[in-house]
C-alpha atoms as a PDB file:
ATOM      1  CA  UNK A   1      74.969  86.746  99.228  1.00  0.00           C
ATOM      2  CA  UNK A   2      76.548  90.223  99.414  1.00  0.00           C
ATOM      3  CA  UNK A   3      78.897  89.106 102.199  1.00  0.00           C
ATOM      4  CA  UNK A   4      79.941  86.037 100.254  1.00  0.00           C
ATOM      5  CA  UNK A   5      80.717  88.128  97.170  1.00  0.00           C
ATOM      6  CA  UNK A   6      82.803  90.578  99.194  1.00  0.00           C
ATOM      7  CA  UNK A   7      84.643  87.754 100.943  1.00  0.00           C
ATOM      8  CA  UNK A   8      85.450  86.066  97.629  1.00  0.00           C
ATOM      9  CA  UNK A   9      87.126  89.263  96.382  1.00  0.00           C
ATOM     10  CA  UNK A  10      89.462  89.385  99.374  1.00  0.00           C
ATOM     11  CA  UNK A  11      92.799  87.741  98.670  1.00  0.00           C
ATOM     12  CA  UNK A  12      95.967  87.024 100.658  1.00  0.00           C
ATOM     13  CA  UNK A  13      96.431  89.105 103.819  1.00  0.00           C
ATOM     14  CA  UNK A  14      93.183  90.981 103.098  1.00  0.00           C
ATOM     15  CA  UNK A  15      91.283  87.700 103.507  1.00  0.00           C
ATOM     16  CA  UNK A  16      92.417  87.393 107.147  1.00  0.00           C
ATOM     17  CA  UNK A  17      89.999  88.512 109.847  1.00  0.00           C
ATOM     18  CA  UNK A  18      92.221  87.485 112.741  1.00  0.00           C
ATOM     19  CA  UNK A  19      94.871  84.862 113.396  1.00  0.00           C
ATOM     20  CA  UNK A  20      96.117  83.998 116.847  1.00  0.00           C
ATOM     21  CA  UNK A  21      99.861  83.512 117.183  1.00  0.00           C
ATOM     22  CA  UNK A  22     102.101  83.005 120.225  1.00  0.00           C
ATOM     23  CA  UNK A  23     103.510  86.498 119.671  1.00  0.00           C
ATOM     24  CA  UNK A  24     100.160  88.242 119.140  1.00  0.00           C
ATOM     25  CA  UNK A  25      97.471  88.774 116.534  1.00  0.00           C
ATOM     26  CA  UNK A  26      97.585  89.087 112.775  1.00  0.00           C
ATOM     27  CA  UNK A  27      94.674  91.183 111.508  1.00  0.00           C
ATOM     28  CA  UNK A  28      93.324  92.069 108.073  1.00  0.00           C
ATOM     29  CA  UNK A  29      95.959  93.495 105.802  1.00  0.00           C
ATOM     30  CA  UNK A  30      98.677  91.510 107.582  1.00  0.00           C
ATOM     31  CA  UNK A  31      98.795  93.963 110.504  1.00  0.00           C
ATOM     32  CA  UNK A  32     100.751  92.295 113.333  1.00  0.00           C
ATOM     33  CA  UNK A  33      99.931  93.296 116.899  1.00  0.00           C
ATOM     34  CA  UNK A  34     102.016  91.929 119.779  1.00  0.00           C
ATOM     35  CA  UNK A  35     100.146  90.922 122.945  1.00  0.00           C
ATOM     36  CA  UNK A  36     101.983  93.530 125.000  1.00  0.00           C
ATOM     37  CA  UNK A  37     100.815  96.300 122.613  1.00  0.00           C
ATOM     38  CA  UNK A  38      97.136  95.620 123.413  1.00  0.00           C
ATOM     39  CA  UNK A  39      95.734  97.690 126.269  1.00  0.00           C
ATOM     40  CA  UNK A  40      92.148  96.428 126.296  1.00  0.00           C
ATOM     41  CA  UNK A  41      89.394  95.002 124.124  1.00  0.00           C
ATOM     42  CA  UNK A  42      85.718  95.843 123.795  1.00  0.00           C
ATOM     43  CA  UNK A  43      83.612  92.860 122.700  1.00  0.00           C
ATOM     44  CA  UNK A  44      80.389  94.103 121.115  1.00  0.00           C
ATOM     45  CA  UNK A  45      77.388  91.900 120.432  1.00  0.00           C
ATOM     46  CA  UNK A  46      74.657  93.349 118.258  1.00  0.00           C
ATOM     47  CA  UNK A  47      71.019  92.542 119.004  1.00  0.00           C
ATOM     48  CA  UNK A  48      67.762  93.273 117.219  1.00  0.00           C
ATOM     49  CA  UNK A  49      64.379  93.198 118.897  1.00  0.00           C
ATOM     50  CA  UNK A  50      62.394  94.842 116.100  1.00  0.00           C
ATOM     51  CA  UNK A  51      59.060  93.212 115.270  1.00  0.00           C
ATOM     52  CA  UNK A  52      59.980  92.994 111.586  1.00  0.00           C
ATOM     53  CA  UNK A  53      63.606  92.005 111.003  1.00  0.00           C
ATOM     54  CA  UNK A  54      63.922  92.220 107.248  1.00  0.00           C
ATOM     55  CA  UNK A  55      67.713  92.483 107.025  1.00  0.00           C
ATOM     56  CA  UNK A  56      68.580  90.580 110.212  1.00  0.00           C
ATOM     57  CA  UNK A  57      69.758  87.004 109.873  1.00  0.00           C
ATOM     58  CA  UNK A  58      69.834  85.085 113.160  1.00  0.00           C
ATOM     59  CA  UNK A  59      72.338  82.644 111.644  1.00  0.00           C
ATOM     60  CA  UNK A  60      74.953  85.418 111.424  1.00  0.00           C
ATOM     61  CA  UNK A  61      77.423  86.092 114.233  1.00  0.00           C
ATOM     62  CA  UNK A  62      76.707  89.818 114.860  1.00  0.00           C
ATOM     63  CA  UNK A  63      79.924  90.397 116.839  1.00  0.00           C
ATOM     64  CA  UNK A  64      82.783  92.900 116.740  1.00  0.00           C
ATOM     65  CA  UNK A  65      85.995  93.330 118.701  1.00  0.00           C
ATOM     66  CA  UNK A  66      87.526  96.776 119.150  1.00  0.00           C
ATOM     67  CA  UNK A  67      91.175  96.311 120.124  1.00  0.00           C
ATOM     68  CA  UNK A  68      92.614  99.372 121.897  1.00  0.00           C
ATOM     69  CA  UNK A  69      96.379  99.662 121.653  1.00  0.00           C
ATOM     70  CA  UNK A  70      98.751 101.091 124.241  1.00  0.00           C
ATOM     71  CA  UNK A  71     100.576 103.035 121.524  1.00  0.00           C
ATOM     72  CA  UNK A  72      99.749 106.758 121.537  1.00  0.00           C
ATOM     73  CA  UNK A  73      97.974 108.209 118.529  1.00  0.00           C
ATOM     74  CA  UNK A  74      96.671 104.911 117.150  1.00  0.00           C
ATOM     75  CA  UNK A  75      92.945 104.300 117.165  1.00  0.00           C
ATOM     76  CA  UNK A  76      91.335 101.011 118.034  1.00  0.00           C
ATOM     77  CA  UNK A  77      91.732  98.192 115.552  1.00  0.00           C
ATOM     78  CA  UNK A  78      88.489  96.491 114.586  1.00  0.00           C
ATOM     79  CA  UNK A  79      87.813  92.795 114.081  1.00  0.00           C
ATOM     80  CA  UNK A  80      84.386  92.896 112.440  1.00  0.00           C
ATOM     81  CA  UNK A  81      82.490  89.601 112.376  1.00  0.00           C
ATOM     82  CA  UNK A  82      79.048  91.106 111.893  1.00  0.00           C
ATOM     83  CA  UNK A  83      77.774  89.473 108.721  1.00  0.00           C
ATOM     84  CA  UNK A  84      79.562  86.128 108.918  1.00  0.00           C
ATOM     85  CA  UNK A  85      77.873  82.769 109.512  1.00  0.00           C
ATOM     86  CA  UNK A  86      77.909  82.016 113.232  1.00  0.00           C
ATOM     87  CA  UNK A  87      78.459  78.323 112.590  1.00  0.00           C
ATOM     88  CA  UNK A  88      81.796  79.148 110.922  1.00  0.00           C
ATOM     89  CA  UNK A  89      83.016  82.089 112.999  1.00  0.00           C
ATOM     90  CA  UNK A  90      81.772  81.575 116.556  1.00  0.00           C
ATOM     91  CA  UNK A  91      84.788  79.355 117.293  1.00  0.00           C
ATOM     92  CA  UNK A  92      87.207  82.072 116.134  1.00  0.00           C
ATOM     93  CA  UNK A  93      85.403  84.687 118.216  1.00  0.00           C
ATOM     94  CA  UNK A  94      85.489  82.516 121.354  1.00  0.00           C
ATOM     95  CA  UNK A  95      89.142  81.594 120.760  1.00  0.00           C
ATOM     96  CA  UNK A  96      90.035  85.284 120.587  1.00  0.00           C
ATOM     97  CA  UNK A  97      88.208  85.991 123.869  1.00  0.00           C
ATOM     98  CA  UNK A  98      89.932  83.012 125.532  1.00  0.00           C
ATOM     99  CA  UNK A  99      93.356  84.185 124.353  1.00  0.00           C
ATOM    100  CA  UNK A 100      92.759  87.727 125.612  1.00  0.00           C
ATOM    101  CA  UNK A 101      91.967  86.209 129.014  1.00  0.00           C
ATOM    102  CA  UNK A 102      95.122  84.047 128.938  1.00  0.00           C
ATOM    103  CA  UNK A 103      97.168  87.127 128.046  1.00  0.00           C
ATOM    104  CA  UNK A 104      95.498  89.055 130.902  1.00  0.00           C
ATOM    105  CA  UNK A 105      94.077  91.643 128.522  1.00  0.00           C
ATOM    106  CA  UNK A 106      90.894  93.174 129.951  1.00  0.00           C
ATOM    107  CA  UNK A 107      87.761  92.664 127.865  1.00  0.00           C
ATOM    108  CA  UNK A 108      84.654  94.819 128.330  1.00  0.00           C
ATOM    109  CA  UNK A 109      81.446  93.252 126.989  1.00  0.00           C
ATOM    110  CA  UNK A 110      78.842  95.565 125.486  1.00  0.00           C
ATOM    111  CA  UNK A 111      75.514  95.088 123.736  1.00  0.00           C
ATOM    112  CA  UNK A 112      74.320  97.349 120.971  1.00  0.00           C
ATOM    113  CA  UNK A 113      70.729  97.330 119.777  1.00  0.00           C
ATOM    114  CA  UNK A 114      70.051  97.644 116.076  1.00  0.00           C
ATOM    115  CA  UNK A 115      66.818  98.149 114.195  1.00  0.00           C
ATOM    116  CA  UNK A 116      67.283  96.366 110.887  1.00  0.00           C
END
């Protein structure tokens, strides 16, 4: 419910999580990143093995992409798909990973364990 309310308040370029274009990515806020500006990506999947998972919804995607740029002085850009329905966003996540591979951008896969 909270995620849906936050998403409904986002408008225009702030409603974009990520768009794949031939020239690169468009991220939240309309930030354009050319493929040749991306140095690497860290794909993070969050997992929870707590006995009681009060705030953990298995139907959510629980994924994040940290996009490291080649440009000096700029931190990683984050594509956060943590609280979104997996049924709606898994395709976007997989498309992004496929495009990074096509563009020969290295992707490191990491798991993070959460207790929620």
